[in-house]
PDB file of N, CA and C in Angstrom:
ATOM      1  N   MET A   1      22.460   9.682  15.567  1.00  0.00           N
ATOM      2  CA  MET A   1      21.813   8.511  16.064  1.00  0.00           C
ATOM      3  C   MET A   1      21.076   7.822  14.918  1.00  0.00           C
ATOM      4  N   THR A   2      21.307   6.560  14.709  1.00  0.00           N
ATOM      5  CA  THR A   2      20.691   5.802  13.645  1.00  0.00           C
ATOM      6  C   THR A   2      19.315   5.319  14.078  1.00  0.00           C
ATOM      7  N   LYS A   3      18.340   5.508  13.204  1.00  0.00           N
ATOM      8  CA  LYS A   3      16.975   5.066  13.496  1.00  0.00           C
ATOM      9  C   LYS A   3      16.880   3.567  13.210  1.00  0.00           C
ATOM     10  N   ALA A   4      16.352   2.816  14.160  1.00  0.00           N
ATOM     11  CA  ALA A   4      16.210   1.370  13.998  1.00  0.00           C
ATOM     12  C   ALA A   4      15.119   1.068  12.985  1.00  0.00           C
ATOM     13  N   ARG A   5      15.337   0.038  12.174  1.00  0.00           N
ATOM     14  CA  ARG A   5      14.331  -0.391  11.192  1.00  0.00           C
ATOM     15  C   ARG A   5      13.209  -1.142  11.891  1.00  0.00           C
ATOM     16  N   LEU A   6      12.007  -0.881  11.451  1.00  0.00           N
ATOM     17  CA  LEU A   6      10.876  -1.657  11.934  1.00  0.00           C
ATOM     18  C   LEU A   6      10.968  -3.065  11.361  1.00  0.00           C
ATOM     19  N   LEU A   7      10.385  -4.012  12.058  1.00  0.00           N
ATOM     20  CA  LEU A   7      10.439  -5.387  11.585  1.00  0.00           C
ATOM     21  C   LEU A   7       9.409  -5.659  10.495  1.00  0.00           C
ATOM     22  N   LYS A   8       8.198  -5.103  10.622  1.00  0.00           N
ATOM     23  CA  LYS A   8       7.138  -5.352   9.651  1.00  0.00           C
ATOM     24  C   LYS A   8       6.496  -4.048   9.217  1.00  0.00           C
ATOM     25  N   GLY A   9       6.064  -4.001   7.945  1.00  0.00           N
ATOM     26  CA  GLY A   9       5.384  -2.806   7.453  1.00  0.00           C
ATOM     27  C   GLY A   9       4.507  -3.097   6.260  1.00  0.00           C
ATOM     28  N   LEU A  10       3.447  -2.313   6.115  1.00  0.00           N
ATOM     29  CA  LEU A  10       2.527  -2.403   4.996  1.00  0.00           C
ATOM     30  C   LEU A  10       2.858  -1.269   4.034  1.00  0.00           C
ATOM     31  N   LEU A  11       3.231  -1.609   2.808  1.00  0.00           N
ATOM     32  CA  LEU A  11       3.640  -0.596   1.836  1.00  0.00           C
ATOM     33  C   LEU A  11       2.441   0.019   1.141  1.00  0.00           C
ATOM     34  N   ASP A  12       2.448   1.327   1.041  1.00  0.00           N
ATOM     35  CA  ASP A  12       1.455   2.058   0.286  1.00  0.00           C
ATOM     36  C   ASP A  12       1.750   1.874  -1.208  1.00  0.00           C
ATOM     37  N   THR A  13       0.743   2.044  -2.051  1.00  0.00           N
ATOM     38  CA  THR A  13       0.926   1.898  -3.495  1.00  0.00           C
ATOM     39  C   THR A  13       2.026   2.815  -4.015  1.00  0.00           C
ATOM     40  N   SER A  14       2.070   4.042  -3.519  1.00  0.00           N
ATOM     41  CA  SER A  14       3.092   4.988  -3.988  1.00  0.00           C
ATOM     42  C   SER A  14       4.503   4.490  -3.692  1.00  0.00           C
ATOM     43  N   VAL A  15       4.671   3.762  -2.615  1.00  0.00           N
ATOM     44  CA  VAL A  15       5.985   3.206  -2.280  1.00  0.00           C
ATOM     45  C   VAL A  15       6.315   2.043  -3.217  1.00  0.00           C
ATOM     46  N   VAL A  16       5.342   1.189  -3.498  1.00  0.00           N
ATOM     47  CA  VAL A  16       5.575   0.063  -4.413  1.00  0.00           C
ATOM     48  C   VAL A  16       5.980   0.590  -5.790  1.00  0.00           C
ATOM     49  N   VAL A  17       5.346   1.671  -6.234  1.00  0.00           N
ATOM     50  CA  VAL A  17       5.672   2.260  -7.527  1.00  0.00           C
ATOM     51  C   VAL A  17       7.115   2.743  -7.558  1.00  0.00           C
ATOM     52  N   GLU A  18       7.624   3.204  -6.429  1.00  0.00           N
ATOM     53  CA  GLU A  18       8.977   3.762  -6.363  1.00  0.00           C
ATOM     54  C   GLU A  18      10.014   2.803  -5.775  1.00  0.00           C
ATOM     55  N   LEU A  19       9.688   1.542  -5.607  1.00  0.00           N
ATOM     56  CA  LEU A  19      10.610   0.603  -4.945  1.00  0.00           C
ATOM     57  C   LEU A  19      11.994   0.561  -5.577  1.00  0.00           C
ATOM     58  N   GLU A  20      12.092   0.734  -6.879  1.00  0.00           N
ATOM     59  CA  GLU A  20      13.391   0.665  -7.554  1.00  0.00           C
ATOM     60  C   GLU A  20      14.340   1.785  -7.141  1.00  0.00           C
ATOM     61  N   VAL A  21      13.794   2.894  -6.665  1.00  0.00           N
ATOM     62  CA  VAL A  21      14.646   4.035  -6.308  1.00  0.00           C
ATOM     63  C   VAL A  21      14.715   4.294  -4.811  1.00  0.00           C
ATOM     64  N   ILE A  22      13.982   3.519  -4.017  1.00  0.00           N
ATOM     65  CA  ILE A  22      13.994   3.683  -2.562  1.00  0.00           C
ATOM     66  C   ILE A  22      15.070   2.796  -1.956  1.00  0.00           C
ATOM     67  N   ASP A  23      15.841   3.351  -1.053  1.00  0.00           N
ATOM     68  CA  ASP A  23      16.857   2.585  -0.335  1.00  0.00           C
ATOM     69  C   ASP A  23      16.152   1.547   0.531  1.00  0.00           C
ATOM     70  N   PRO A  24      16.393   0.263   0.295  1.00  0.00           N
ATOM     71  CA  PRO A  24      15.705  -0.769   1.070  1.00  0.00           C
ATOM     72  C   PRO A  24      15.958  -0.676   2.570  1.00  0.00           C
ATOM     73  N   LEU A  25      17.029  -0.029   2.973  1.00  0.00           N
ATOM     74  CA  LEU A  25      17.336   0.079   4.399  1.00  0.00           C
ATOM     75  C   LEU A  25      16.423   1.051   5.140  1.00  0.00           C
ATOM     76  N   VAL A  26      15.653   1.858   4.408  1.00  0.00           N
ATOM     77  CA  VAL A  26      14.702   2.751   5.074  1.00  0.00           C
ATOM     78  C   VAL A  26      13.335   2.086   5.240  1.00  0.00           C
ATOM     79  N   LEU A  27      13.160   0.920   4.629  1.00  0.00           N
ATOM     80  CA  LEU A  27      11.907   0.178   4.740  1.00  0.00           C
ATOM     81  C   LEU A  27      11.999  -0.857   5.850  1.00  0.00           C
ATOM     82  N   PRO A  28      10.857  -1.307   6.338  1.00  0.00           N
ATOM     83  CA  PRO A  28      10.881  -2.392   7.328  1.00  0.00           C
ATOM     84  C   PRO A  28      11.537  -3.645   6.745  1.00  0.00           C
ATOM     85  N   VAL A  29      12.001  -4.507   7.610  1.00  0.00           N
ATOM     86  CA  VAL A  29      12.665  -5.749   7.184  1.00  0.00           C
ATOM     87  C   VAL A  29      11.692  -6.632   6.413  1.00  0.00           C
ATOM     88  N   ASP A  30      10.499  -6.812   6.934  1.00  0.00           N
ATOM     89  CA  ASP A  30       9.476  -7.669   6.329  1.00  0.00           C
ATOM     90  C   ASP A  30       8.336  -6.772   5.873  1.00  0.00           C
ATOM     91  N   VAL A  31       8.101  -6.711   4.554  1.00  0.00           N
ATOM     92  CA  VAL A  31       7.064  -5.824   4.027  1.00  0.00           C
ATOM     93  C   VAL A  31       5.941  -6.626   3.375  1.00  0.00           C
ATOM     94  N   ALA A  32       4.772  -6.008   3.334  1.00  0.00           N
ATOM     95  CA  ALA A  32       3.597  -6.601   2.702  1.00  0.00           C
ATOM     96  C   ALA A  32       2.846  -5.496   1.981  1.00  0.00           C
ATOM     97  N   ILE A  33       1.896  -5.903   1.141  1.00  0.00           N
ATOM     98  CA  ILE A  33       0.989  -4.947   0.511  1.00  0.00           C
ATOM     99  C   ILE A  33      -0.442  -5.440   0.733  1.00  0.00           C
ATOM    100  N   SER A  34      -1.387  -4.551   0.539  1.00  0.00           N
ATOM    101  CA  SER A  34      -2.792  -4.913   0.697  1.00  0.00           C
ATOM    102  C   SER A  34      -3.392  -5.273  -0.664  1.00  0.00           C
ATOM    103  N   ALA A  35      -4.549  -5.895  -0.628  1.00  0.00           N
ATOM    104  CA  ALA A  35      -5.285  -6.191  -1.858  1.00  0.00           C
ATOM    105  C   ALA A  35      -5.658  -4.895  -2.584  1.00  0.00           C
ATOM    106  N   ILE A  36      -5.873  -3.825  -1.831  1.00  0.00           N
ATOM    107  CA  ILE A  36      -6.176  -2.526  -2.440  1.00  0.00           C
ATOM    108  C   ILE A  36      -4.993  -2.056  -3.284  1.00  0.00           C
ATOM    109  N   THR A  37      -3.778  -2.191  -2.756  1.00  0.00           N
ATOM    110  CA  THR A  37      -2.592  -1.816  -3.517  1.00  0.00           C
ATOM    111  C   THR A  37      -2.476  -2.652  -4.785  1.00  0.00           C
ATOM    112  N   MET A  38      -2.707  -3.945  -4.674  1.00  0.00           N
ATOM    113  CA  MET A  38      -2.635  -4.798  -5.863  1.00  0.00           C
ATOM    114  C   MET A  38      -3.678  -4.369  -6.895  1.00  0.00           C
ATOM    115  N   ALA A  39      -4.870  -3.995  -6.432  1.00  0.00           N
ATOM    116  CA  ALA A  39      -5.905  -3.523  -7.358  1.00  0.00           C
ATOM    117  C   ALA A  39      -5.474  -2.230  -8.051  1.00  0.00           C
ATOM    118  N   GLU A  40      -4.869  -1.327  -7.291  1.00  0.00           N
ATOM    119  CA  GLU A  40      -4.402  -0.077  -7.893  1.00  0.00           C
ATOM    120  C   GLU A  40      -3.298  -0.345  -8.914  1.00  0.00           C
ATOM    121  N   LEU A  41      -2.405  -1.271  -8.616  1.00  0.00           N
ATOM    122  CA  LEU A  41      -1.355  -1.628  -9.574  1.00  0.00           C
ATOM    123  C   LEU A  41      -1.961  -2.275 -10.825  1.00  0.00           C
ATOM    124  N   ALA A  42      -3.002  -3.089 -10.653  1.00  0.00           N
ATOM    125  CA  ALA A  42      -3.653  -3.731 -11.794  1.00  0.00           C
ATOM    126  C   ALA A  42      -4.356  -2.715 -12.692  1.00  0.00           C
ATOM    127  N   ALA A  43      -4.849  -1.635 -12.109  1.00  0.00           N
ATOM    128  CA  ALA A  43      -5.506  -0.588 -12.896  1.00  0.00           C
ATOM    129  C   ALA A  43      -4.496   0.276 -13.644  1.00  0.00           C
ATOM    130  N   GLY A  44      -3.276   0.315 -13.154  1.00  0.00           N
ATOM    131  CA  GLY A  44      -2.253   1.185 -13.723  1.00  0.00           C
ATOM    132  C   GLY A  44      -2.025   1.061 -15.221  1.00  0.00           C
ATOM    133  N   PRO A  45      -1.802  -0.148 -15.747  1.00  0.00           N
ATOM    134  CA  PRO A  45      -1.555  -0.249 -17.192  1.00  0.00           C
ATOM    135  C   PRO A  45      -2.714   0.291 -18.038  1.00  0.00           C
ATOM    136  N   HIS A  46      -3.934   0.155 -17.560  1.00  0.00           N
ATOM    137  CA  HIS A  46      -5.102   0.622 -18.308  1.00  0.00           C
ATOM    138  C   HIS A  46      -5.200   2.141 -18.333  1.00  0.00           C
ATOM    139  N   ALA A  47      -4.575   2.808 -17.375  1.00  0.00           N
ATOM    140  CA  ALA A  47      -4.625   4.264 -17.294  1.00  0.00           C
ATOM    141  C   ALA A  47      -3.434   4.931 -17.982  1.00  0.00           C
ATOM    142  N   ALA A  48      -2.487   4.146 -18.466  1.00  0.00           N
ATOM    143  CA  ALA A  48      -1.282   4.707 -19.091  1.00  0.00           C
ATOM    144  C   ALA A  48      -1.633   5.422 -20.389  1.00  0.00           C
ATOM    145  N   LYS A  49      -0.926   6.499 -20.651  1.00  0.00           N
ATOM    146  CA  LYS A  49      -1.190   7.296 -21.849  1.00  0.00           C
ATOM    147  C   LYS A  49      -0.338   6.864 -23.044  1.00  0.00           C
ATOM    148  N   THR A  50       0.773   6.174 -22.783  1.00  0.00           N
ATOM    149  CA  THR A  50       1.638   5.737 -23.881  1.00  0.00           C
ATOM    150  C   THR A  50       1.920   4.239 -23.756  1.00  0.00           C
ATOM    151  N   ALA A  51       2.332   3.660 -24.864  1.00  0.00           N
ATOM    152  CA  ALA A  51       2.668   2.233 -24.859  1.00  0.00           C
ATOM    153  C   ALA A  51       3.853   1.948 -23.937  1.00  0.00           C
ATOM    154  N   ASP A  52       4.846   2.835 -23.909  1.00  0.00           N
ATOM    155  CA  ASP A  52       6.008   2.646 -23.031  1.00  0.00           C
ATOM    156  C   ASP A  52       5.595   2.651 -21.564  1.00  0.00           C
ATOM    157  N   GLU A  53       4.749   3.605 -21.188  1.00  0.00           N
ATOM    158  CA  GLU A  53       4.293   3.676 -19.794  1.00  0.00           C
ATOM    159  C   GLU A  53       3.432   2.460 -19.456  1.00  0.00           C
ATOM    160  N   ARG A  54       2.606   2.038 -20.378  1.00  0.00           N
ATOM    161  CA  ARG A  54       1.780   0.845 -20.149  1.00  0.00           C
ATOM    162  C   ARG A  54       2.661  -0.371 -19.903  1.00  0.00           C
ATOM    163  N   ALA A  55       3.722  -0.521 -20.675  1.00  0.00           N
ATOM    164  CA  ALA A  55       4.639  -1.648 -20.503  1.00  0.00           C
ATOM    165  C   ALA A  55       5.344  -1.583 -19.150  1.00  0.00           C
ATOM    166  N   ARG A  56       5.777  -0.382 -18.721  1.00  0.00           N
ATOM    167  CA  ARG A  56       6.420  -0.232 -17.405  1.00  0.00           C
ATOM    168  C   ARG A  56       5.458  -0.607 -16.290  1.00  0.00           C
ATOM    169  N   ARG A  57       4.229  -0.144 -16.395  1.00  0.00           N
ATOM    170  CA  ARG A  57       3.233  -0.436 -15.360  1.00  0.00           C
ATOM    171  C   ARG A  57       2.870  -1.923 -15.337  1.00  0.00           C
ATOM    172  N   GLN A  58       2.793  -2.544 -16.506  1.00  0.00           N
ATOM    173  CA  GLN A  58       2.505  -3.978 -16.570  1.00  0.00           C
ATOM    174  C   GLN A  58       3.641  -4.773 -15.945  1.00  0.00           C
ATOM    175  N   ASP A  59       4.868  -4.362 -16.214  1.00  0.00           N
ATOM    176  CA  ASP A  59       6.029  -5.014 -15.618  1.00  0.00           C
ATOM    177  C   ASP A  59       6.013  -4.880 -14.100  1.00  0.00           C
ATOM    178  N   ARG A  60       5.699  -3.689 -13.610  1.00  0.00           N
ATOM    179  CA  ARG A  60       5.621  -3.449 -12.157  1.00  0.00           C
ATOM    180  C   ARG A  60       4.548  -4.342 -11.532  1.00  0.00           C
ATOM    181  N   LEU A  61       3.390  -4.440 -12.166  1.00  0.00           N
ATOM    182  CA  LEU A  61       2.314  -5.290 -11.676  1.00  0.00           C
ATOM    183  C   LEU A  61       2.763  -6.744 -11.606  1.00  0.00           C
ATOM    184  N   GLN A  62       3.388  -7.231 -12.659  1.00  0.00           N
ATOM    185  CA  GLN A  62       3.814  -8.631 -12.686  1.00  0.00           C
ATOM    186  C   GLN A  62       4.880  -8.918 -11.640  1.00  0.00           C
ATOM    187  N   ARG A  63       5.784  -7.976 -11.412  1.00  0.00           N
ATOM    188  CA  ARG A  63       6.794  -8.168 -10.361  1.00  0.00           C
ATOM    189  C   ARG A  63       6.141  -8.187  -8.987  1.00  0.00           C
ATOM    190  N   ALA A  64       5.175  -7.290  -8.758  1.00  0.00           N
ATOM    191  CA  ALA A  64       4.476  -7.265  -7.463  1.00  0.00           C
ATOM    192  C   ALA A  64       3.706  -8.559  -7.254  1.00  0.00           C
ATOM    193  N   GLU A  65       3.057  -9.055  -8.291  1.00  0.00           N
ATOM    194  CA  GLU A  65       2.316 -10.312  -8.178  1.00  0.00           C
ATOM    195  C   GLU A  65       3.241 -11.482  -7.843  1.00  0.00           C
ATOM    196  N   ALA A  66       4.461 -11.436  -8.364  1.00  0.00           N
ATOM    197  CA  ALA A  66       5.413 -12.513  -8.119  1.00  0.00           C
ATOM    198  C   ALA A  66       6.017 -12.454  -6.718  1.00  0.00           C
ATOM    199  N   VAL A  67       6.097 -11.261  -6.143  1.00  0.00           N
ATOM    200  CA  VAL A  67       6.791 -11.076  -4.867  1.00  0.00           C
ATOM    201  C   VAL A  67       5.843 -11.067  -3.667  1.00  0.00           C
ATOM    202  N   PHE A  68       4.679 -10.447  -3.825  1.00  0.00           N
ATOM    203  CA  PHE A  68       3.792 -10.214  -2.686  1.00  0.00           C
ATOM    204  C   PHE A  68       2.549 -11.093  -2.723  1.00  0.00           C
ATOM    205  N   GLY A  69       2.155 -11.572  -1.570  1.00  0.00           N
ATOM    206  CA  GLY A  69       0.839 -12.171  -1.372  1.00  0.00           C
ATOM    207  C   GLY A  69       0.032 -11.136  -0.616  1.00  0.00           C
ATOM    208  N   PRO A  70      -0.841 -10.396  -1.295  1.00  0.00           N
ATOM    209  CA  PRO A  70      -1.494  -9.254  -0.645  1.00  0.00           C
ATOM    210  C   PRO A  70      -2.388  -9.644   0.528  1.00  0.00           C
ATOM    211  N   LEU A  71      -2.394  -8.780   1.533  1.00  0.00           N
ATOM    212  CA  LEU A  71      -3.300  -8.936   2.661  1.00  0.00           C
ATOM    213  C   LEU A  71      -4.709  -8.588   2.197  1.00  0.00           C
ATOM    214  N   PRO A  72      -5.710  -9.330   2.621  1.00  0.00           N
ATOM    215  CA  PRO A  72      -7.070  -9.086   2.131  1.00  0.00           C
ATOM    216  C   PRO A  72      -7.690  -7.820   2.714  1.00  0.00           C
ATOM    217  N   PHE A  73      -8.601  -7.262   1.946  1.00  0.00           N
ATOM    218  CA  PHE A  73      -9.461  -6.189   2.438  1.00  0.00           C
ATOM    219  C   PHE A  73     -10.780  -6.864   2.779  1.00  0.00           C
ATOM    220  N   ASP A  74     -10.943  -7.194   4.038  1.00  0.00           N
ATOM    221  CA  ASP A  74     -12.102  -7.968   4.458  1.00  0.00           C
ATOM    222  C   ASP A  74     -13.012  -7.131   5.357  1.00  0.00           C
ATOM    223  N   LEU A  75     -14.030  -7.767   5.898  1.00  0.00           N
ATOM    224  CA  LEU A  75     -15.007  -7.075   6.730  1.00  0.00           C
ATOM    225  C   LEU A  75     -14.355  -6.421   7.948  1.00  0.00           C
ATOM    226  N   GLU A  76     -13.410  -7.098   8.561  1.00  0.00           N
ATOM    227  CA  GLU A  76     -12.738  -6.540   9.734  1.00  0.00           C
ATOM    228  C   GLU A  76     -11.996  -5.246   9.377  1.00  0.00           C
ATOM    229  N   VAL A  77     -11.314  -5.238   8.251  1.00  0.00           N
ATOM    230  CA  VAL A  77     -10.588  -4.047   7.810  1.00  0.00           C
ATOM    231  C   VAL A  77     -11.575  -2.951   7.403  1.00  0.00           C
ATOM    232  N   ALA A  78     -12.670  -3.324   6.747  1.00  0.00           N
ATOM    233  CA  ALA A  78     -13.685  -2.337   6.363  1.00  0.00           C
ATOM    234  C   ALA A  78     -14.250  -1.635   7.594  1.00  0.00           C
ATOM    235  N   ARG A  79     -14.492  -2.392   8.644  1.00  0.00           N
ATOM    236  CA  ARG A  79     -15.011  -1.786   9.878  1.00  0.00           C
ATOM    237  C   ARG A  79     -13.974  -0.879  10.537  1.00  0.00           C
ATOM    238  N   ALA A  80     -12.716  -1.290  10.513  1.00  0.00           N
ATOM    239  CA  ALA A  80     -11.650  -0.446  11.061  1.00  0.00           C
ATOM    240  C   ALA A  80     -11.559   0.861  10.281  1.00  0.00           C
ATOM    241  N   TYR A  81     -11.691   0.780   8.971  1.00  0.00           N
ATOM    242  CA  TYR A  81     -11.689   1.987   8.143  1.00  0.00           C
ATOM    243  C   TYR A  81     -12.822   2.920   8.568  1.00  0.00           C
ATOM    244  N   GLY A  82     -14.000   2.341   8.789  1.00  0.00           N
ATOM    245  CA  GLY A  82     -15.148   3.141   9.214  1.00  0.00           C
ATOM    246  C   GLY A  82     -14.907   3.862  10.528  1.00  0.00           C
ATOM    247  N   ARG A  83     -14.159   3.235  11.429  1.00  0.00           N
ATOM    248  CA  ARG A  83     -13.861   3.864  12.726  1.00  0.00           C
ATOM    249  C   ARG A  83     -12.774   4.924  12.599  1.00  0.00           C
ATOM    250  N   VAL A  84     -11.785   4.689  11.781  1.00  0.00           N
ATOM    251  CA  VAL A  84     -10.626   5.577  11.697  1.00  0.00           C
ATOM    252  C   VAL A  84     -10.869   6.760  10.770  1.00  0.00           C
ATOM    253  N   SER A  85     -11.646   6.582   9.725  1.00  0.00           N
ATOM    254  CA  SER A  85     -11.866   7.641   8.738  1.00  0.00           C
ATOM    255  C   SER A  85     -12.330   8.958   9.359  1.00  0.00           C
ATOM    256  N   PRO A  86     -13.339   8.983  10.245  1.00  0.00           N
ATOM    257  CA  PRO A  86     -13.748  10.255  10.850  1.00  0.00           C
ATOM    258  C   PRO A  86     -12.618  10.905  11.658  1.00  0.00           C
ATOM    259  N   GLN A  87     -11.810  10.098  12.308  1.00  0.00           N
ATOM    260  CA  GLN A  87     -10.686  10.636  13.068  1.00  0.00           C
ATOM    261  C   GLN A  87      -9.691  11.322  12.133  1.00  0.00           C
ATOM    262  N   GLN A  88      -9.414  10.699  10.994  1.00  0.00           N
ATOM    263  CA  GLN A  88      -8.490  11.296  10.028  1.00  0.00           C
ATOM    264  C   GLN A  88      -9.028  12.622   9.512  1.00  0.00           C
ATOM    265  N   LEU A  89     -10.327  12.660   9.214  1.00  0.00           N
ATOM    266  CA  LEU A  89     -10.941  13.900   8.725  1.00  0.00           C
ATOM    267  C   LEU A  89     -10.874  14.998   9.776  1.00  0.00           C
ATOM    268  N   SER A  90     -11.076  14.641  11.043  1.00  0.00           N
ATOM    269  CA  SER A  90     -11.031  15.656  12.105  1.00  0.00           C
ATOM    270  C   SER A  90      -9.623  16.214  12.294  1.00  0.00           C
ATOM    271  N   LEU A  91      -8.623  15.455  11.845  1.00  0.00           N
ATOM    272  CA  LEU A  91      -7.234  15.913  11.929  1.00  0.00           C
ATOM    273  C   LEU A  91      -6.797  16.659  10.677  1.00  0.00           C
ATOM    274  N   GLY A  92      -7.737  16.861   9.738  1.00  0.00           N
ATOM    275  CA  GLY A  92      -7.429  17.636   8.541  1.00  0.00           C
ATOM    276  C   GLY A  92      -7.079  16.815   7.318  1.00  0.00           C
ATOM    277  N   ALA A  93      -7.241  15.497   7.379  1.00  0.00           N
ATOM    278  CA  ALA A  93      -6.959  14.675   6.199  1.00  0.00           C
ATOM    279  C   ALA A  93      -7.991  14.961   5.128  1.00  0.00           C
ATOM    280  N   ARG A  94      -7.587  14.776   3.863  1.00  0.00           N
ATOM    281  CA  ARG A  94      -8.527  14.953   2.761  1.00  0.00           C
ATOM    282  C   ARG A  94      -9.484  13.766   2.717  1.00  0.00           C
ATOM    283  N   PRO A  95     -10.752  14.010   2.379  1.00  0.00           N
ATOM    284  CA  PRO A  95     -11.691  12.891   2.246  1.00  0.00           C
ATOM    285  C   PRO A  95     -11.243  11.964   1.118  1.00  0.00           C
ATOM    286  N   ALA A  96     -11.376  10.667   1.348  1.00  0.00           N
ATOM    287  CA  ALA A  96     -11.014   9.681   0.328  1.00  0.00           C
ATOM    288  C   ALA A  96     -11.818   8.424   0.563  1.00  0.00           C
ATOM    289  N   GLY A  97     -12.072   7.712  -0.491  1.00  0.00           N
ATOM    290  CA  GLY A  97     -12.784   6.444  -0.374  1.00  0.00           C
ATOM    291  C   GLY A  97     -11.843   5.349   0.079  1.00  0.00           C
ATOM    292  N   PRO A  98     -12.385   4.181   0.385  1.00  0.00           N
ATOM    293  CA  PRO A  98     -11.560   3.067   0.879  1.00  0.00           C
ATOM    294  C   PRO A  98     -10.420   2.701  -0.055  1.00  0.00           C
ATOM    295  N   ALA A  99     -10.624   2.809  -1.351  1.00  0.00           N
ATOM    296  CA  ALA A  99      -9.581   2.399  -2.290  1.00  0.00           C
ATOM    297  C   ALA A  99      -8.371   3.305  -2.239  1.00  0.00           C
ATOM    298  N   ARG A 100      -8.502   4.505  -1.713  1.00  0.00           N
ATOM    299  CA  ARG A 100      -7.371   5.422  -1.671  1.00  0.00           C
ATOM    300  C   ARG A 100      -6.744   5.551  -0.294  1.00  0.00           C
ATOM    301  N   SER A 101      -7.420   5.113   0.765  1.00  0.00           N
ATOM    302  CA  SER A 101      -6.870   5.408   2.081  1.00  0.00           C
ATOM    303  C   SER A 101      -6.719   4.217   3.002  1.00  0.00           C
ATOM    304  N   THR A 102      -7.250   3.078   2.667  1.00  0.00           N
ATOM    305  CA  THR A 102      -7.155   1.954   3.586  1.00  0.00           C
ATOM    306  C   THR A 102      -5.743   1.436   3.714  1.00  0.00           C
ATOM    307  N   CYS A 103      -4.903   1.722   2.747  1.00  0.00           N
ATOM    308  CA  CYS A 103      -3.521   1.260   2.854  1.00  0.00           C
ATOM    309  C   CYS A 103      -2.824   1.881   4.057  1.00  0.00           C
ATOM    310  N   SER A 104      -3.359   2.980   4.564  1.00  0.00           N
ATOM    311  CA  SER A 104      -2.736   3.626   5.716  1.00  0.00           C
ATOM    312  C   SER A 104      -3.215   3.051   7.035  1.00  0.00           C
ATOM    313  N   LEU A 105      -4.154   2.121   6.989  1.00  0.00           N
ATOM    314  CA  LEU A 105      -4.677   1.555   8.226  1.00  0.00           C
ATOM    315  C   LEU A 105      -3.836   0.378   8.696  1.00  0.00           C
ATOM    316  N   ARG A 106      -3.728   0.253   9.986  1.00  0.00           N
ATOM    317  CA  ARG A 106      -3.128  -0.956  10.543  1.00  0.00           C
ATOM    318  C   ARG A 106      -4.155  -2.065  10.472  1.00  0.00           C
ATOM    319  N   ARG A 107      -3.727  -3.206  10.097  1.00  0.00           N
ATOM    320  CA  ARG A 107      -4.630  -4.366  10.050  1.00  0.00           C
ATOM    321  C   ARG A 107      -4.873  -4.799  11.489  1.00  0.00           C
ATOM    322  N   PRO A 108      -6.120  -4.758  11.960  1.00  0.00           N
ATOM    323  CA  PRO A 108      -6.400  -5.073  13.357  1.00  0.00           C
ATOM    324  C   PRO A 108      -6.055  -6.513  13.719  1.00  0.00           C
ATOM    325  N   ARG A 109      -5.464  -6.680  14.861  1.00  0.00           N
ATOM    326  CA  ARG A 109      -5.167  -7.973  15.492  1.00  0.00           C
ATOM    327  C   ARG A 109      -4.384  -8.956  14.638  1.00  0.00           C
ATOM    328  N   ALA A 110      -4.809  -9.214  13.419  1.00  0.00           N
ATOM    329  CA  ALA A 110      -4.206 -10.288  12.632  1.00  0.00           C
ATOM    330  C   ALA A 110      -2.753  -9.975  12.246  1.00  0.00           C
ATOM    331  N   HIS A 111      -2.434  -8.709  12.048  1.00  0.00           N
ATOM    332  CA  HIS A 111      -1.091  -8.332  11.604  1.00  0.00           C
ATOM    333  C   HIS A 111      -0.663  -7.084  12.360  1.00  0.00           C
ATOM    334  N   THR A 112       0.584  -7.003  12.711  1.00  0.00           N
ATOM    335  CA  THR A 112       1.119  -5.794  13.310  1.00  0.00           C
ATOM    336  C   THR A 112       1.972  -5.124  12.243  1.00  0.00           C
ATOM    337  N   THR A 113       1.384  -4.162  11.531  1.00  0.00           N
ATOM    338  CA  THR A 113       2.083  -3.532  10.436  1.00  0.00           C
ATOM    339  C   THR A 113       1.872  -2.039  10.469  1.00  0.00           C
ATOM    340  N   PHE A 114       2.757  -1.313   9.816  1.00  0.00           N
ATOM    341  CA  PHE A 114       2.656   0.114   9.686  1.00  0.00           C
ATOM    342  C   PHE A 114       2.806   0.488   8.221  1.00  0.00           C
ATOM    343  N   ARG A 115       2.198   1.553   7.842  1.00  0.00           N
ATOM    344  CA  ARG A 115       2.227   1.996   6.449  1.00  0.00           C
ATOM    345  C   ARG A 115       3.533   2.730   6.169  1.00  0.00           C
ATOM    346  N   TYR A 116       4.081   2.505   4.980  1.00  0.00           N
ATOM    347  CA  TYR A 116       5.241   3.236   4.471  1.00  0.00           C
ATOM    348  C   TYR A 116       4.986   3.667   3.071  1.00  0.00           C
TER     349      TYR A 116
END
């Protein structure tokens, strides 16, 4: 039985990093990223240990900037994070700050998206 593709999805930073090797048919038809993901991609070149890795990360950042208009991390999303974070911890998730875990949140009301 073939699994139907979702129509919309919010990509996690780890997925954006691996987009070149991921089969696009396993991703939602319409994808987006958050401002948090864009920030993590922007930090990437500065954390690279070699010039080659820095160049790859800079290229990835520039491609993401050209393709995606990131969804904002605003007050509404911050409040949703505050509500969901304790639930995640009670289910055994590792503690993480907003910059590492908000990409897994659904954007309330304004967007119907799921994390991939």
